[in-house]
């Protein structure tokens, strides 16, 4: 079975690592500079701490880090990479994906564009889909049968990143919109009326917000850069670009609150709870 290296042992990285080990792969991870919590997650997932040269020598390297770290990871690995395969699985726009590829251009490794759509896998549960583009030689076949549904795209490098941008723009953009309007309703004194109207007119939307908004709190700090990537993906000539710059600001406000007094999240919980 192959040796797969994962850079990033957060909730998604460690969840993917566990799924790969469950299907027989040997999974390495880079823990230099990571927190004790990340190290514990990696160990619980069956991932083995490895040096940078060991990571680079794996059959495939998967980068699963916050969007703002994607290019830095590629630059870190570039001097050590040889004829292996590097798959960027991060929520980045096609231009950032090209910057990742440029950072690895002289390394001699194959660079594939990937994106993960879905929640981190849990034992006995479903796994996120791994979309791959820019792989005309089917180098990603090595990942087939390891517990991650593999979706190959016909498009070039950047197509998988574009898919992530538009899907996350819809999915997480709705969460930003909901949080912003619930906070506005509380400021205006009409929150109970809004909740009642949502329950009568849009019960599915209220149910979604009731789950998605609290689930967002611990992830908000990571979603800031993701919304910025979507804004850059749309570009200055698209008026929707400003929407996602604003969504980034919404998530930044929540992230600051989570690290602080919890006033904003308290308002959201109160409005959602009725």
Protein backbone atom coordinates (compact mmCIF):
# COMPACT_ATOMS: atom_id res chain seq x y z
CA UNK A 1 0.00 0.00 0.00
CA UNK A 2 1.19 3.54 -0.64
CA UNK A 3 2.79 5.96 1.77
CA UNK A 4 0.82 9.20 1.86
CA UNK A 5 2.06 12.34 3.59
CA UNK A 6 -0.35 14.95 4.88
CA UNK A 7 0.81 18.46 5.72
CA UNK A 8 -1.78 19.80 8.11
CA UNK A 9 -3.25 17.86 11.02
CA UNK A 10 -6.30 19.96 11.78
CA UNK A 11 -9.81 18.53 11.81
CA UNK A 12 -9.84 17.85 8.06
CA UNK A 13 -6.21 16.75 7.76
CA UNK A 14 -6.39 14.33 10.68
CA UNK A 15 -9.79 13.06 9.55
CA UNK A 16 -8.44 12.34 6.08
CA UNK A 17 -5.38 10.74 7.64
CA UNK A 18 -7.52 8.42 9.74
CA UNK A 19 -9.57 7.42 6.69
CA UNK A 20 -6.43 6.61 4.69
CA UNK A 21 -4.93 4.53 7.50
CA UNK A 22 -8.22 2.67 7.89
CA UNK A 23 -7.84 1.63 4.25
CA UNK A 24 -4.29 0.39 4.63
CA UNK A 25 -2.14 3.36 3.70
CA UNK A 26 0.85 4.42 5.76
CA UNK A 27 0.26 8.07 6.59
CA UNK A 28 3.02 10.49 7.54
CA UNK A 29 2.59 14.02 8.80
CA UNK A 30 4.76 17.03 9.51
CA UNK A 31 4.39 18.20 13.10
CA UNK A 32 7.22 20.76 13.28
CA UNK A 33 5.80 23.89 14.87
CA UNK A 34 2.35 22.37 15.38
CA UNK A 35 0.45 22.56 18.67
CA UNK A 36 0.14 19.72 21.17
CA UNK A 37 -3.51 19.48 20.17
CA UNK A 38 -2.55 18.93 16.53
CA UNK A 39 0.02 16.31 17.54
CA UNK A 40 -2.58 14.49 19.64
CA UNK A 41 -5.09 14.54 16.76
CA UNK A 42 -2.48 13.15 14.39
CA UNK A 43 -1.52 10.35 16.77
CA UNK A 44 -5.16 9.42 17.36
CA UNK A 45 -5.63 9.20 13.58
CA UNK A 46 -2.72 6.77 13.22
CA UNK A 47 -0.52 9.31 11.47
CA UNK A 48 3.24 9.05 11.99
CA UNK A 49 5.37 12.11 12.65
CA UNK A 50 8.06 12.44 9.98
CA UNK A 51 10.87 14.74 8.93
CA UNK A 52 10.67 17.02 5.91
CA UNK A 53 12.77 14.66 3.71
CA UNK A 54 10.55 11.72 4.71
CA UNK A 55 7.44 13.72 3.85
CA UNK A 56 8.87 14.66 0.46
CA UNK A 57 9.75 11.02 -0.30
CA UNK A 58 6.17 9.79 0.14
CA UNK A 59 4.22 8.48 -2.85
CA UNK A 60 1.92 11.49 -2.56
CA UNK A 61 1.91 14.64 -0.44
CA UNK A 62 -1.46 16.19 0.39
CA UNK A 63 -1.49 19.80 1.57
CA UNK A 64 -4.53 20.36 3.82
CA UNK A 65 -3.94 23.67 5.59
CA UNK A 66 -5.73 27.02 5.99
CA UNK A 67 -5.81 28.90 2.65
CA UNK A 68 -3.38 31.55 3.79
CA UNK A 69 -0.70 28.87 4.36
CA UNK A 70 -0.99 27.08 1.00
CA UNK A 71 1.84 28.85 -0.87
CA UNK A 72 4.13 28.79 2.19
CA UNK A 73 3.71 25.00 2.44
CA UNK A 74 4.65 24.60 -1.22
CA UNK A 75 7.74 26.76 -0.73
CA UNK A 76 8.72 24.80 2.37
CA UNK A 77 8.56 21.47 0.55
CA UNK A 78 9.99 22.60 -2.79
CA UNK A 79 13.69 22.08 -1.99
CA UNK A 80 13.03 18.52 -0.76
CA UNK A 81 10.56 17.35 -3.41
CA UNK A 82 11.79 15.17 -6.25
CA UNK A 83 9.81 12.95 -8.57
CA UNK A 84 6.86 12.54 -6.22
CA UNK A 85 3.37 14.02 -6.35
CA UNK A 86 2.07 17.10 -4.55
CA UNK A 87 -1.69 17.62 -4.30
CA UNK A 88 -2.92 20.97 -3.04
CA UNK A 89 -6.30 20.29 -1.37
CA UNK A 90 -6.84 23.78 0.00
CA UNK A 91 -9.64 26.31 -0.42
CA UNK A 92 -7.72 28.61 -2.74
CA UNK A 93 -8.53 30.37 -5.99
CA UNK A 94 -6.95 29.34 -9.32
CA UNK A 95 -4.42 32.20 -9.20
CA UNK A 96 -3.20 31.04 -5.79
CA UNK A 97 -3.09 27.48 -7.10
CA UNK A 98 -0.82 28.69 -9.89
CA UNK A 99 1.41 30.32 -7.28
CA UNK A 100 1.62 26.93 -5.53
CA UNK A 101 2.59 25.28 -8.82
CA UNK A 102 5.17 28.00 -9.52
CA UNK A 103 6.74 27.45 -6.09
CA UNK A 104 7.23 23.77 -6.96
CA UNK A 105 8.11 24.24 -10.64
CA UNK A 106 11.81 23.47 -10.29
CA UNK A 107 11.36 20.56 -7.89
CA UNK A 108 10.56 17.97 -10.55
CA UNK A 109 7.40 16.72 -8.80
CA UNK A 110 3.95 16.45 -10.32
CA UNK A 111 1.64 19.17 -9.00
CA UNK A 112 -2.09 18.43 -8.98
CA UNK A 113 -4.97 20.74 -8.15
CA UNK A 114 -7.35 19.25 -5.61
CA UNK A 115 -10.23 20.31 -3.43
CA UNK A 116 -12.11 18.59 -0.63
CA UNK A 117 -15.86 19.12 -0.46
CA UNK A 118 -17.70 17.78 2.55
CA UNK A 119 -17.18 17.46 6.28
CA UNK A 120 -14.08 15.83 7.81
CA UNK A 121 -14.54 12.06 7.79
CA UNK A 122 -15.42 10.31 11.03
CA UNK A 123 -15.16 6.58 11.79
CA UNK A 124 -18.08 4.78 10.21
CA UNK A 125 -19.29 7.92 8.44
CA UNK A 126 -19.03 9.39 4.99
CA UNK A 127 -15.93 11.12 3.64
CA UNK A 128 -15.48 14.35 1.69
CA UNK A 129 -15.14 14.12 -2.08
CA UNK A 130 -11.65 14.75 -3.39
CA UNK A 131 -11.82 16.53 -6.74
CA UNK A 132 -8.66 16.48 -8.85
CA UNK A 133 -7.80 18.50 -11.95
CA UNK A 134 -4.64 18.96 -14.00
CA UNK A 135 -3.93 15.23 -13.97
CA UNK A 136 -3.81 14.02 -17.61
CA UNK A 137 -1.53 11.10 -16.65
CA UNK A 138 -3.87 9.90 -13.87
CA UNK A 139 -1.16 10.19 -11.23
CA UNK A 140 -3.94 10.44 -8.66
CA UNK A 141 -4.87 6.79 -9.27
CA UNK A 142 -2.64 6.02 -6.29
CA UNK A 143 -5.32 7.58 -4.06
CA UNK A 144 -8.11 5.43 -5.44
CA UNK A 145 -9.56 2.86 -3.07
CA UNK A 146 -8.27 4.57 0.06
CA UNK A 147 -11.63 5.69 1.40
CA UNK A 148 -11.91 9.10 -0.25
CA UNK A 149 -14.36 9.33 -3.16
CA UNK A 150 -12.12 10.50 -6.01
CA UNK A 151 -13.68 12.78 -8.62
CA UNK A 152 -11.40 13.47 -11.58
CA UNK A 153 -12.12 16.64 -13.54
CA UNK A 154 -11.29 17.09 -17.19
CA UNK A 155 -10.17 20.68 -16.69
CA UNK A 156 -6.58 21.91 -16.27
CA UNK A 157 -4.80 22.98 -13.12
CA UNK A 158 -7.11 25.47 -11.43
CA UNK A 159 -10.40 23.77 -12.29
CA UNK A 160 -10.70 22.02 -8.91
CA UNK A 161 -9.82 25.25 -7.12
CA UNK A 162 -12.50 27.08 -9.09
CA UNK A 163 -15.06 24.46 -8.10
CA UNK A 164 -14.15 24.94 -4.45
CA UNK A 165 -14.54 28.70 -4.79
CA UNK A 166 -18.02 28.59 -6.27
CA UNK A 167 -19.26 25.83 -3.96
CA UNK A 168 -17.88 27.49 -0.83
CA UNK A 169 -19.21 30.82 -2.04
CA UNK A 170 -22.73 29.38 -2.02
CA UNK A 171 -22.40 27.19 1.06
CA UNK A 172 -20.41 29.40 3.43
CA UNK A 173 -21.67 32.60 1.85
CA UNK A 174 -25.16 31.65 3.04
CA UNK A 175 -23.82 31.25 6.57
CA UNK A 176 -22.20 34.70 6.47
CA UNK A 177 -25.42 36.24 5.13
CA UNK A 178 -27.50 34.55 7.83
CA UNK A 179 -25.19 35.63 10.64
CA UNK A 180 -25.10 39.22 9.37
CA UNK A 181 -28.89 39.50 9.13
CA UNK A 182 -29.52 37.87 12.51
CA UNK A 183 -27.14 40.35 14.14
CA UNK A 184 -28.84 43.22 12.29
CA UNK A 185 -32.26 42.01 13.44
CA UNK A 186 -31.06 41.97 17.05
CA UNK A 187 -29.70 45.52 16.75
CA UNK A 188 -32.99 46.69 15.25
CA UNK A 189 -35.10 44.96 17.89
CA UNK A 190 -36.97 42.70 15.47
CA UNK A 191 -35.13 39.42 16.10
CA UNK A 192 -38.12 37.51 17.59
CA UNK A 193 -40.30 38.59 14.67
CA UNK A 194 -37.64 37.57 12.14
CA UNK A 195 -37.29 34.16 13.74
CA UNK A 196 -41.06 33.64 13.73
CA UNK A 197 -41.31 34.69 10.08
CA UNK A 198 -38.44 32.40 9.09
CA UNK A 199 -40.12 29.50 10.90
CA UNK A 200 -43.33 30.11 8.95
CA UNK A 201 -42.03 31.19 5.54
CA UNK A 202 -38.59 29.57 5.31
CA UNK A 203 -38.40 26.76 7.87
CA UNK A 204 -35.65 24.95 5.95
CA UNK A 205 -33.52 28.11 5.98
CA UNK A 206 -34.03 28.53 9.73
CA UNK A 207 -33.11 24.88 10.30
CA UNK A 208 -29.96 25.34 8.22
CA UNK A 209 -28.93 28.49 10.07
CA UNK A 210 -29.62 26.85 13.44
CA UNK A 211 -27.05 24.20 12.62
CA UNK A 212 -24.58 25.96 10.33
CA UNK A 213 -24.08 29.19 12.26
CA UNK A 214 -23.06 27.64 15.62
CA UNK A 215 -20.94 25.08 13.76
CA UNK A 216 -19.13 28.00 12.12
CA UNK A 217 -17.87 29.62 15.35
CA UNK A 218 -14.65 27.58 15.82
CA UNK A 219 -13.95 27.65 12.06
CA UNK A 220 -14.55 31.36 11.47
CA UNK A 221 -10.87 32.28 11.70
CA UNK A 222 -10.09 29.91 8.81
CA UNK A 223 -13.02 31.07 6.72
CA UNK A 224 -11.75 34.66 6.64
CA UNK A 225 -8.98 33.82 4.17
CA UNK A 226 -11.32 31.53 2.23
CA UNK A 227 -13.78 34.37 1.63
CA UNK A 228 -10.88 36.59 0.59
CA UNK A 229 -9.81 33.92 -1.91
CA UNK A 230 -13.34 33.87 -3.34
CA UNK A 231 -13.34 37.66 -3.59
CA UNK A 232 -10.06 37.55 -5.52
CA UNK A 233 -11.40 34.72 -7.69
CA UNK A 234 -14.34 36.87 -8.76
CA UNK A 235 -12.11 39.86 -9.42
CA UNK A 236 -12.63 43.63 -9.14
CA UNK A 237 -14.93 43.82 -12.16
CA UNK A 238 -17.51 41.49 -10.58
CA UNK A 239 -19.74 43.34 -8.08
CA UNK A 240 -20.13 40.08 -6.13
CA UNK A 241 -16.45 40.32 -5.19
CA UNK A 242 -17.34 42.93 -2.57
CA UNK A 243 -19.94 40.57 -1.11
CA UNK A 244 -17.27 38.05 -0.23
CA UNK A 245 -14.88 40.69 1.09
CA UNK A 246 -17.77 41.61 3.40
CA UNK A 247 -18.31 37.92 4.26
CA UNK A 248 -14.65 37.76 5.27
CA UNK A 249 -15.25 40.70 7.60
CA UNK A 250 -18.28 38.96 9.13
CA UNK A 251 -16.25 35.85 9.87
CA UNK A 252 -13.38 37.96 11.20
CA UNK A 253 -15.79 39.61 13.62
CA UNK A 254 -17.02 36.22 14.82
CA UNK A 255 -13.47 34.87 15.12
CA UNK A 256 -12.43 37.86 17.22
CA UNK A 257 -15.49 37.35 19.40
CA UNK A 258 -14.76 33.64 19.89
CA UNK A 259 -11.29 34.57 21.13
CA UNK A 260 -12.73 37.31 23.31
CA UNK A 261 -15.94 37.88 25.25
CA UNK A 262 -18.40 35.81 23.24
CA UNK A 263 -20.89 38.66 22.90
CA UNK A 264 -21.53 38.22 19.16
CA UNK A 265 -21.93 34.46 19.36
CA UNK A 266 -24.16 34.96 22.38
CA UNK A 267 -26.47 37.19 20.34
CA UNK A 268 -26.59 34.69 17.50
CA UNK A 269 -27.35 31.82 19.88
CA UNK A 270 -30.10 33.83 21.53
CA UNK A 271 -31.73 34.78 18.23
CA UNK A 272 -31.55 31.24 16.87
CA UNK A 273 -32.83 29.78 20.13
CA UNK A 274 -35.80 32.06 20.22
